[in-house]
Amino acid sequence: MIRALVLVLSAYLAVIAQDFLPAMPFFAGAHVLLLPVVVCYALLWMPFPAALAFALYAGLLADLSSLHVDGDHVEIGLGWSMLYYVLVAAVLNLPRWPVSGLRWETHCLVSGAATFFLLAGQYLMVCLRRHFVFDLAVIAQIVGPVLAALLLAPVLYFFFGLFPGGAPRFRGRRVAR
């Protein structure tokens, strides 16, 4: 219960903090995205109904923080991040993970993949409304936050592990002999 409350608060603080983090000049000014890393940890740790509720909450936070308006029309509107995080929650809860517990490697890889697909989807939505441009700056704008997510995921994994919250849902069962 405590860890769930910390995750809800962390998602809100991640949205605020990622706006104040400086841009990465060596990745064409890309910004670090903290919310996908927090969301991936929560979706891996929570049972499916709670993960869906958290995905909707985090998607609403992400949509409100990244509402993109250009002139008279909205390029990335409300609801897309919510839909994306619900799909990520469904994908992460489909398989029965063959691991004995929630592992930092799983969290790291899922965070990188989720950040990549989030940014690639947002880029494609903007390209559908404008013209399609693909160059090294676009690649750097996507790869930079993905690498940052891969580096931050283990740190946040061990930070969230400090809080009591019951057993994660992937804990293996003991076999009676």
N, C-alpha and C. Protein backbone atom coordinates (compact mmCIF):
# COMPACT_ATOMS: atom_id res chain seq x y z
N MET A 1 0.82 -1.20 0.00
CA MET A 1 0.00 0.00 0.00
C MET A 1 0.87 1.27 0.00
N ILE A 2 1.92 1.24 0.79
CA ILE A 2 2.79 2.40 0.87
C ILE A 2 3.49 2.61 -0.47
N ARG A 3 3.96 1.52 -1.07
CA ARG A 3 4.65 1.65 -2.36
C ARG A 3 3.69 2.15 -3.44
N ALA A 4 2.44 1.74 -3.40
CA ALA A 4 1.47 2.22 -4.38
C ALA A 4 1.25 3.72 -4.23
N LEU A 5 1.16 4.20 -3.02
CA LEU A 5 1.00 5.64 -2.80
C LEU A 5 2.25 6.40 -3.25
N VAL A 6 3.42 5.81 -2.99
CA VAL A 6 4.67 6.44 -3.44
C VAL A 6 4.72 6.49 -4.96
N LEU A 7 4.23 5.46 -5.63
CA LEU A 7 4.22 5.45 -7.09
C LEU A 7 3.28 6.50 -7.66
N VAL A 8 2.11 6.66 -7.05
CA VAL A 8 1.17 7.67 -7.52
C VAL A 8 1.77 9.06 -7.35
N LEU A 9 2.37 9.32 -6.21
CA LEU A 9 3.02 10.60 -5.96
C LEU A 9 4.23 10.79 -6.87
N SER A 10 4.97 9.72 -7.10
CA SER A 10 6.17 9.79 -7.96
C SER A 10 5.81 10.11 -9.40
N ALA A 11 4.70 9.58 -9.88
CA ALA A 11 4.28 9.90 -11.25
C ALA A 11 3.99 11.38 -11.38
N TYR A 12 3.32 11.94 -10.40
CA TYR A 12 3.02 13.38 -10.44
C TYR A 12 4.30 14.20 -10.36
N LEU A 13 5.20 13.80 -9.47
CA LEU A 13 6.46 14.54 -9.33
C LEU A 13 7.37 14.35 -10.55
N ALA A 14 7.28 13.21 -11.21
CA ALA A 14 8.09 12.98 -12.41
C ALA A 14 7.69 13.91 -13.53
N VAL A 15 6.39 14.17 -13.67
CA VAL A 15 5.92 15.09 -14.70
C VAL A 15 6.44 16.50 -14.42
N ILE A 16 6.43 16.88 -13.15
CA ILE A 16 6.93 18.21 -12.79
C ILE A 16 8.44 18.28 -12.97
N ALA A 17 9.15 17.26 -12.50
CA ALA A 17 10.61 17.28 -12.53
C ALA A 17 11.17 17.25 -13.95
N GLN A 18 10.53 16.50 -14.84
CA GLN A 18 11.07 16.40 -16.20
C GLN A 18 10.96 17.72 -16.96
N ASP A 19 10.08 18.61 -16.51
CA ASP A 19 10.02 19.93 -17.14
C ASP A 19 11.17 20.82 -16.69
N PHE A 20 11.72 20.56 -15.51
CA PHE A 20 12.80 21.39 -14.98
C PHE A 20 14.19 20.82 -15.24
N LEU A 21 14.27 19.59 -15.72
CA LEU A 21 15.58 19.02 -16.05
C LEU A 21 16.11 19.69 -17.31
N PRO A 22 17.40 19.96 -17.36
CA PRO A 22 17.95 20.62 -18.55
C PRO A 22 17.94 19.68 -19.76
N ALA A 23 17.98 20.29 -20.92
CA ALA A 23 18.03 19.51 -22.16
C ALA A 23 19.41 18.90 -22.32
N MET A 24 19.47 17.82 -23.07
CA MET A 24 20.73 17.16 -23.36
C MET A 24 21.28 17.72 -24.67
N PRO A 25 22.29 18.59 -24.62
CA PRO A 25 22.75 19.23 -25.85
C PRO A 25 23.38 18.26 -26.84
N PHE A 26 23.95 17.16 -26.37
CA PHE A 26 24.58 16.20 -27.26
C PHE A 26 23.56 15.30 -27.95
N PHE A 27 22.28 15.41 -27.59
CA PHE A 27 21.20 14.70 -28.27
C PHE A 27 20.20 15.68 -28.86
N ALA A 28 20.72 16.73 -29.49
CA ALA A 28 19.92 17.75 -30.19
C ALA A 28 18.88 18.39 -29.29
N GLY A 29 19.21 18.57 -28.03
CA GLY A 29 18.31 19.25 -27.10
C GLY A 29 17.17 18.40 -26.59
N ALA A 30 17.29 17.09 -26.64
CA ALA A 30 16.24 16.20 -26.14
C ALA A 30 16.15 16.30 -24.63
N HIS A 31 14.96 16.05 -24.11
CA HIS A 31 14.73 16.11 -22.67
C HIS A 31 14.59 14.71 -22.10
N VAL A 32 14.97 14.56 -20.86
CA VAL A 32 14.83 13.29 -20.15
C VAL A 32 13.36 13.10 -19.79
N LEU A 33 12.82 11.91 -20.06
CA LEU A 33 11.45 11.59 -19.71
C LEU A 33 11.46 10.63 -18.52
N LEU A 34 10.97 11.11 -17.38
CA LEU A 34 10.94 10.29 -16.17
C LEU A 34 9.65 9.49 -16.05
N LEU A 35 8.56 10.02 -16.57
CA LEU A 35 7.27 9.37 -16.38
C LEU A 35 7.20 7.96 -16.95
N PRO A 36 7.71 7.68 -18.17
CA PRO A 36 7.63 6.29 -18.65
C PRO A 36 8.39 5.30 -17.76
N VAL A 37 9.46 5.73 -17.12
CA VAL A 37 10.22 4.84 -16.24
C VAL A 37 9.40 4.51 -14.99
N VAL A 38 8.77 5.52 -14.41
CA VAL A 38 7.93 5.30 -13.22
C VAL A 38 6.72 4.45 -13.59
N VAL A 39 6.12 4.73 -14.74
CA VAL A 39 4.94 3.98 -15.16
C VAL A 39 5.29 2.52 -15.41
N CYS A 40 6.40 2.25 -16.04
CA CYS A 40 6.79 0.85 -16.31
C CYS A 40 7.02 0.08 -15.02
N TYR A 41 7.64 0.72 -14.03
CA TYR A 41 7.82 0.03 -12.75
C TYR A 41 6.46 -0.28 -12.13
N ALA A 42 5.56 0.69 -12.14
CA ALA A 42 4.25 0.48 -11.54
C ALA A 42 3.46 -0.59 -12.28
N LEU A 43 3.54 -0.60 -13.59
CA LEU A 43 2.78 -1.59 -14.36
C LEU A 43 3.33 -2.99 -14.18
N LEU A 44 4.63 -3.11 -13.97
CA LEU A 44 5.20 -4.43 -13.70
C LEU A 44 4.91 -4.89 -12.28
N TRP A 45 4.79 -3.96 -11.35
CA TRP A 45 4.63 -4.33 -9.94
C TRP A 45 3.18 -4.55 -9.56
N MET A 46 2.26 -3.79 -10.13
CA MET A 46 0.85 -3.84 -9.71
C MET A 46 0.10 -4.97 -10.40
N PRO A 47 -0.96 -5.45 -9.74
CA PRO A 47 -1.85 -6.40 -10.43
C PRO A 47 -2.60 -5.67 -11.55
N PHE A 48 -3.21 -6.44 -12.45
CA PHE A 48 -3.77 -5.87 -13.67
C PHE A 48 -4.82 -4.77 -13.45
N PRO A 49 -5.82 -4.93 -12.59
CA PRO A 49 -6.80 -3.84 -12.43
C PRO A 49 -6.16 -2.55 -11.90
N ALA A 50 -5.27 -2.68 -10.95
CA ALA A 50 -4.59 -1.49 -10.43
C ALA A 50 -3.67 -0.90 -11.48
N ALA A 51 -3.05 -1.75 -12.29
CA ALA A 51 -2.17 -1.26 -13.35
C ALA A 51 -2.97 -0.48 -14.40
N LEU A 52 -4.18 -0.92 -14.71
CA LEU A 52 -5.00 -0.17 -15.65
C LEU A 52 -5.38 1.20 -15.09
N ALA A 53 -5.75 1.24 -13.82
CA ALA A 53 -6.09 2.53 -13.20
C ALA A 53 -4.87 3.45 -13.17
N PHE A 54 -3.72 2.89 -12.85
CA PHE A 54 -2.49 3.71 -12.83
C PHE A 54 -2.13 4.17 -14.23
N ALA A 55 -2.34 3.33 -15.24
CA ALA A 55 -2.05 3.72 -16.62
C ALA A 55 -2.94 4.87 -17.06
N LEU A 56 -4.21 4.85 -16.68
CA LEU A 56 -5.09 5.96 -17.02
C LEU A 56 -4.66 7.24 -16.32
N TYR A 57 -4.30 7.13 -15.05
CA TYR A 57 -3.83 8.28 -14.28
C TYR A 57 -2.55 8.86 -14.89
N ALA A 58 -1.59 8.01 -15.18
CA ALA A 58 -0.32 8.47 -15.74
C ALA A 58 -0.52 9.02 -17.15
N GLY A 59 -1.40 8.41 -17.93
CA GLY A 59 -1.68 8.91 -19.27
C GLY A 59 -2.32 10.29 -19.23
N LEU A 60 -3.21 10.50 -18.28
CA LEU A 60 -3.82 11.82 -18.14
C LEU A 60 -2.78 12.86 -17.76
N LEU A 61 -1.89 12.50 -16.83
CA LEU A 61 -0.81 13.41 -16.47
C LEU A 61 0.08 13.72 -17.68
N ALA A 62 0.43 12.70 -18.43
CA ALA A 62 1.29 12.90 -19.60
C ALA A 62 0.59 13.74 -20.66
N ASP A 63 -0.70 13.49 -20.88
CA ASP A 63 -1.43 14.26 -21.88
C ASP A 63 -1.54 15.73 -21.48
N LEU A 64 -1.81 15.97 -20.23
CA LEU A 64 -1.93 17.36 -19.79
C LEU A 64 -0.59 18.09 -19.80
N SER A 65 0.48 17.37 -19.57
CA SER A 65 1.79 18.02 -19.55
C SER A 65 2.37 18.22 -20.95
N SER A 66 1.94 17.42 -21.91
CA SER A 66 2.53 17.52 -23.25
C SER A 66 1.51 17.86 -24.32
N LEU A 67 0.45 18.55 -23.96
CA LEU A 67 -0.54 18.98 -24.94
C LEU A 67 0.14 19.89 -25.95
N HIS A 68 0.12 19.51 -27.20
CA HIS A 68 0.88 20.22 -28.24
C HIS A 68 -0.09 20.93 -29.18
N VAL A 69 -0.10 22.25 -29.11
CA VAL A 69 -0.97 23.06 -29.95
C VAL A 69 -0.10 23.89 -30.88
N ASP A 70 -0.42 23.84 -32.18
CA ASP A 70 0.30 24.63 -33.16
C ASP A 70 -0.70 25.50 -33.91
N GLY A 71 -0.70 26.77 -33.58
CA GLY A 71 -1.63 27.68 -34.22
C GLY A 71 -3.05 27.42 -33.75
N ASP A 72 -3.91 27.04 -34.70
CA ASP A 72 -5.32 26.83 -34.39
C ASP A 72 -5.67 25.39 -34.06
N HIS A 73 -4.81 24.45 -34.35
CA HIS A 73 -5.18 23.05 -34.16
C HIS A 73 -4.22 22.35 -33.19
N VAL A 74 -4.76 21.29 -32.60
CA VAL A 74 -4.00 20.49 -31.64
C VAL A 74 -3.35 19.34 -32.40
N GLU A 75 -2.02 19.20 -32.23
CA GLU A 75 -1.32 18.13 -32.94
C GLU A 75 -1.30 16.83 -32.15
N ILE A 76 -1.06 16.92 -30.86
CA ILE A 76 -1.12 15.74 -30.00
C ILE A 76 -2.14 16.06 -28.93
N GLY A 77 -3.32 15.50 -29.05
CA GLY A 77 -4.43 15.85 -28.17
C GLY A 77 -4.51 14.97 -26.93
N LEU A 78 -5.55 15.23 -26.18
CA LEU A 78 -5.80 14.45 -24.97
C LEU A 78 -6.26 13.04 -25.32
N GLY A 79 -5.80 12.09 -24.58
CA GLY A 79 -6.26 10.72 -24.74
C GLY A 79 -5.25 9.78 -25.37
N TRP A 80 -4.30 10.30 -26.14
CA TRP A 80 -3.36 9.41 -26.82
C TRP A 80 -2.40 8.74 -25.85
N SER A 81 -1.88 9.48 -24.90
CA SER A 81 -0.99 8.88 -23.91
C SER A 81 -1.74 7.92 -23.00
N MET A 82 -2.99 8.25 -22.70
CA MET A 82 -3.80 7.34 -21.89
C MET A 82 -3.98 6.01 -22.61
N LEU A 83 -4.30 6.08 -23.88
CA LEU A 83 -4.45 4.87 -24.68
C LEU A 83 -3.14 4.10 -24.76
N TYR A 84 -2.04 4.82 -24.95
CA TYR A 84 -0.74 4.17 -25.04
C TYR A 84 -0.38 3.44 -23.74
N TYR A 85 -0.55 4.10 -22.60
CA TYR A 85 -0.19 3.46 -21.33
C TYR A 85 -1.13 2.30 -20.99
N VAL A 86 -2.38 2.37 -21.39
CA VAL A 86 -3.28 1.23 -21.19
C VAL A 86 -2.83 0.05 -22.05
N LEU A 87 -2.40 0.32 -23.28
CA LEU A 87 -1.88 -0.75 -24.14
C LEU A 87 -0.60 -1.35 -23.55
N VAL A 88 0.27 -0.49 -23.00
CA VAL A 88 1.49 -0.99 -22.36
C VAL A 88 1.13 -1.86 -21.16
N ALA A 89 0.14 -1.44 -20.38
CA ALA A 89 -0.30 -2.24 -19.23
C ALA A 89 -0.83 -3.59 -19.68
N ALA A 90 -1.59 -3.61 -20.76
CA ALA A 90 -2.12 -4.88 -21.25
C ALA A 90 -1.01 -5.78 -21.77
N VAL A 91 -0.05 -5.21 -22.48
CA VAL A 91 1.06 -6.01 -23.01
C VAL A 91 1.92 -6.56 -21.88
N LEU A 92 2.18 -5.75 -20.87
CA LEU A 92 3.02 -6.21 -19.77
C LEU A 92 2.32 -7.23 -18.88
N ASN A 93 1.01 -7.29 -18.91
CA ASN A 93 0.28 -8.25 -18.10
C ASN A 93 -0.16 -9.48 -18.87
N LEU A 94 0.08 -9.52 -20.18
CA LEU A 94 -0.29 -10.71 -20.96
C LEU A 94 0.55 -11.93 -20.62
N PRO A 95 1.85 -11.83 -20.70
CA PRO A 95 2.62 -13.06 -20.44
C PRO A 95 2.75 -13.35 -18.96
N ARG A 96 2.94 -14.59 -18.67
CA ARG A 96 3.32 -14.97 -17.31
C ARG A 96 4.83 -14.97 -17.31
N TRP A 97 5.41 -13.97 -16.67
CA TRP A 97 6.84 -13.76 -16.73
C TRP A 97 7.57 -14.96 -16.15
N PRO A 98 8.58 -15.44 -16.85
CA PRO A 98 9.31 -16.61 -16.39
C PRO A 98 10.35 -16.29 -15.32
N VAL A 99 10.29 -15.14 -14.72
CA VAL A 99 11.26 -14.77 -13.71
C VAL A 99 10.66 -15.01 -12.33
N SER A 100 11.50 -15.11 -11.34
CA SER A 100 11.03 -15.40 -10.00
C SER A 100 10.59 -14.16 -9.26
N GLY A 101 10.79 -13.00 -9.78
CA GLY A 101 10.37 -11.76 -9.16
C GLY A 101 10.57 -10.61 -10.13
N LEU A 102 10.11 -9.45 -9.73
CA LEU A 102 10.31 -8.27 -10.55
C LEU A 102 11.78 -7.95 -10.53
N ARG A 103 12.42 -7.98 -11.67
CA ARG A 103 13.87 -7.80 -11.75
C ARG A 103 14.20 -6.46 -12.38
N TRP A 104 15.35 -5.94 -12.03
CA TRP A 104 15.74 -4.63 -12.54
C TRP A 104 16.03 -4.67 -14.03
N GLU A 105 16.50 -5.81 -14.54
CA GLU A 105 16.77 -5.91 -15.97
C GLU A 105 15.48 -5.80 -16.78
N THR A 106 14.43 -6.46 -16.30
CA THR A 106 13.14 -6.39 -16.98
C THR A 106 12.63 -4.96 -16.98
N HIS A 107 12.72 -4.31 -15.82
CA HIS A 107 12.26 -2.93 -15.72
C HIS A 107 13.06 -2.01 -16.64
N CYS A 108 14.35 -2.23 -16.72
CA CYS A 108 15.21 -1.40 -17.55
C CYS A 108 14.85 -1.54 -19.03
N LEU A 109 14.73 -2.74 -19.51
CA LEU A 109 14.42 -2.97 -20.92
C LEU A 109 13.02 -2.49 -21.30
N VAL A 110 12.05 -2.73 -20.42
CA VAL A 110 10.68 -2.30 -20.68
C VAL A 110 10.60 -0.78 -20.68
N SER A 111 11.34 -0.12 -19.79
CA SER A 111 11.33 1.35 -19.75
C SER A 111 11.91 1.94 -21.02
N GLY A 112 13.00 1.36 -21.51
CA GLY A 112 13.59 1.84 -22.75
C GLY A 112 12.66 1.64 -23.93
N ALA A 113 12.04 0.47 -24.01
CA ALA A 113 11.12 0.19 -25.13
C ALA A 113 9.88 1.08 -25.05
N ALA A 114 9.34 1.28 -23.86
CA ALA A 114 8.15 2.12 -23.72
C ALA A 114 8.46 3.58 -24.08
N THR A 115 9.62 4.07 -23.69
CA THR A 115 10.01 5.44 -24.04
C THR A 115 10.20 5.57 -25.55
N PHE A 116 10.82 4.57 -26.16
CA PHE A 116 11.03 4.60 -27.61
C PHE A 116 9.70 4.65 -28.36
N PHE A 117 8.78 3.75 -28.03
CA PHE A 117 7.51 3.70 -28.76
C PHE A 117 6.64 4.92 -28.47
N LEU A 118 6.74 5.49 -27.27
CA LEU A 118 6.00 6.71 -26.96
C LEU A 118 6.48 7.86 -27.83
N LEU A 119 7.80 8.05 -27.89
CA LEU A 119 8.35 9.16 -28.69
C LEU A 119 8.16 8.94 -30.18
N ALA A 120 8.32 7.72 -30.63
CA ALA A 120 8.11 7.43 -32.06
C ALA A 120 6.65 7.65 -32.44
N GLY A 121 5.73 7.27 -31.58
CA GLY A 121 4.31 7.51 -31.85
C GLY A 121 3.96 8.98 -31.87
N GLN A 122 4.52 9.74 -30.93
CA GLN A 122 4.27 11.17 -30.93
C GLN A 122 4.85 11.82 -32.19
N TYR A 123 6.03 11.39 -32.60
CA TYR A 123 6.64 11.93 -33.82
C TYR A 123 5.77 11.62 -35.04
N LEU A 124 5.25 10.41 -35.12
CA LEU A 124 4.40 10.06 -36.25
C LEU A 124 3.09 10.86 -36.25
N MET A 125 2.54 11.13 -35.06
CA MET A 125 1.32 11.94 -35.01
C MET A 125 1.57 13.36 -35.50
N VAL A 126 2.71 13.92 -35.13
CA VAL A 126 3.04 15.26 -35.61
C VAL A 126 3.30 15.24 -37.11
N CYS A 127 3.95 14.19 -37.60
CA CYS A 127 4.23 14.08 -39.04
C CYS A 127 2.95 13.93 -39.86
N LEU A 128 1.93 13.30 -39.31
CA LEU A 128 0.68 13.17 -40.04
C LEU A 128 -0.02 14.50 -40.22
N ARG A 129 0.22 15.42 -39.31
CA ARG A 129 -0.42 16.73 -39.41
C ARG A 129 0.44 17.75 -40.14
N ARG A 130 1.74 17.49 -40.18
CA ARG A 130 2.67 18.37 -40.90
C ARG A 130 3.27 17.56 -42.04
N HIS A 131 4.44 17.92 -42.46
CA HIS A 131 5.15 17.14 -43.46
C HIS A 131 6.19 16.25 -42.77
N PHE A 132 6.52 15.18 -43.42
CA PHE A 132 7.41 14.18 -42.86
C PHE A 132 8.86 14.58 -43.09
N VAL A 133 9.62 14.74 -42.00
CA VAL A 133 11.05 15.06 -42.05
C VAL A 133 11.77 14.06 -41.16
N PHE A 134 12.77 13.41 -41.71
CA PHE A 134 13.52 12.43 -40.93
C PHE A 134 15.01 12.68 -41.16
N ASP A 135 15.70 13.10 -40.09
CA ASP A 135 17.13 13.35 -40.18
C ASP A 135 17.79 12.94 -38.87
N LEU A 136 19.06 13.27 -38.72
CA LEU A 136 19.80 12.87 -37.52
C LEU A 136 19.27 13.54 -36.26
N ALA A 137 18.73 14.74 -36.38
CA ALA A 137 18.18 15.43 -35.21
C ALA A 137 16.96 14.68 -34.67
N VAL A 138 16.15 14.14 -35.55
CA VAL A 138 14.97 13.37 -35.11
C VAL A 138 15.43 12.09 -34.41
N ILE A 139 16.41 11.44 -34.97
CA ILE A 139 16.94 10.22 -34.34
C ILE A 139 17.51 10.55 -32.96
N ALA A 140 18.23 11.64 -32.85
CA ALA A 140 18.80 12.04 -31.56
C ALA A 140 17.72 12.40 -30.57
N GLN A 141 16.64 13.03 -31.02
CA GLN A 141 15.53 13.39 -30.14
C GLN A 141 14.81 12.16 -29.59
N ILE A 142 14.88 11.06 -30.29
CA ILE A 142 14.25 9.83 -29.83
C ILE A 142 15.24 8.97 -29.04
N VAL A 143 16.45 8.84 -29.53
CA VAL A 143 17.44 7.96 -28.90
C VAL A 143 17.92 8.51 -27.56
N GLY A 144 18.05 9.82 -27.44
CA GLY A 144 18.52 10.43 -26.21
C GLY A 144 17.67 10.09 -25.00
N PRO A 145 16.35 10.33 -25.04
CA PRO A 145 15.52 9.95 -23.90
C PRO A 145 15.47 8.44 -23.65
N VAL A 146 15.61 7.65 -24.71
CA VAL A 146 15.63 6.19 -24.52
C VAL A 146 16.87 5.78 -23.73
N LEU A 147 18.02 6.32 -24.10
CA LEU A 147 19.25 6.01 -23.35
C LEU A 147 19.17 6.52 -21.91
N ALA A 148 18.57 7.70 -21.73
CA ALA A 148 18.40 8.22 -20.37
C ALA A 148 17.47 7.32 -19.56
N ALA A 149 16.42 6.80 -20.19
CA ALA A 149 15.50 5.89 -19.49
C ALA A 149 16.22 4.59 -19.12
N LEU A 150 17.07 4.10 -20.02
CA LEU A 150 17.82 2.88 -19.71
C LEU A 150 18.79 3.09 -18.55
N LEU A 151 19.32 4.29 -18.41
CA LEU A 151 20.23 4.57 -17.30
C LEU A 151 19.51 4.88 -16.00
N LEU A 152 18.33 5.49 -16.07
CA LEU A 152 17.60 5.86 -14.88
C LEU A 152 16.76 4.71 -14.31
N ALA A 153 16.40 3.74 -15.12
CA ALA A 153 15.53 2.66 -14.68
C ALA A 153 16.11 1.87 -13.50
N PRO A 154 17.38 1.47 -13.51
CA PRO A 154 17.88 0.73 -12.34
C PRO A 154 17.89 1.59 -11.07
N VAL A 155 18.18 2.88 -11.22
CA VAL A 155 18.19 3.76 -10.05
C VAL A 155 16.80 3.85 -9.43
N LEU A 156 15.78 4.06 -10.27
CA LEU A 156 14.42 4.14 -9.75
C LEU A 156 13.92 2.79 -9.25
N TYR A 157 14.37 1.71 -9.87
CA TYR A 157 13.98 0.38 -9.41
C TYR A 157 14.44 0.16 -7.97
N PHE A 158 15.69 0.48 -7.70
CA PHE A 158 16.20 0.28 -6.35
C PHE A 158 15.64 1.31 -5.37
N PHE A 159 15.29 2.50 -5.85
CA PHE A 159 14.65 3.49 -4.99
C PHE A 159 13.27 3.01 -4.56
N PHE A 160 12.46 2.53 -5.50
CA PHE A 160 11.12 2.06 -5.16
C PHE A 160 11.17 0.78 -4.33
N GLY A 161 12.24 0.02 -4.45
CA GLY A 161 12.39 -1.18 -3.63
C GLY A 161 12.62 -0.89 -2.17
N LEU A 162 12.97 0.34 -1.82
CA LEU A 162 13.16 0.71 -0.42
C LEU A 162 11.85 0.81 0.34
N PHE A 163 10.76 1.00 -0.35
CA PHE A 163 9.47 1.19 0.30
C PHE A 163 8.75 -0.13 0.48
N PRO A 164 8.14 -0.33 1.64
CA PRO A 164 7.36 -1.57 1.82
C PRO A 164 6.09 -1.50 0.99
N GLY A 165 5.67 -2.61 0.50
CA GLY A 165 4.46 -2.60 -0.32
C GLY A 165 3.96 -3.98 -0.61
N GLY A 166 4.37 -4.95 0.15
CA GLY A 166 3.94 -6.30 -0.12
C GLY A 166 4.76 -6.92 -1.22
N ALA A 167 4.43 -8.13 -1.51
CA ALA A 167 5.17 -8.87 -2.53
C ALA A 167 4.74 -8.42 -3.90
N PRO A 168 5.68 -8.25 -4.82
CA PRO A 168 5.29 -7.96 -6.20
C PRO A 168 4.54 -9.15 -6.78
N ARG A 169 3.80 -8.91 -7.82
CA ARG A 169 2.93 -9.97 -8.34
C ARG A 169 3.68 -11.06 -9.07
N PHE A 170 4.97 -10.89 -9.33
CA PHE A 170 5.72 -11.91 -10.05
C PHE A 170 6.51 -12.82 -9.13
N ARG A 171 6.27 -12.75 -7.84
CA ARG A 171 7.05 -13.54 -6.91
C ARG A 171 6.75 -15.03 -7.13
N GLY A 172 7.80 -15.80 -7.16
CA GLY A 172 7.65 -17.23 -7.37
C GLY A 172 7.05 -17.93 -6.16
N ARG A 173 6.43 -19.05 -6.38
CA ARG A 173 5.82 -19.79 -5.29
C ARG A 173 6.76 -20.91 -4.85
N ARG A 174 6.75 -21.17 -3.58
CA ARG A 174 7.56 -22.25 -3.05
C ARG A 174 6.89 -23.59 -3.32
N VAL A 175 7.67 -24.53 -3.63
CA VAL A 175 7.16 -25.87 -3.90
C VAL A 175 7.39 -26.71 -2.68
N ALA A 176 6.32 -27.32 -2.18
CA ALA A 176 6.43 -28.19 -0.99
C ALA A 176 7.05 -29.52 -1.40
N ARG A 177 7.97 -29.98 -0.57
CA ARG A 177 8.60 -31.27 -0.87
C ARG A 177 8.13 -32.33 0.07
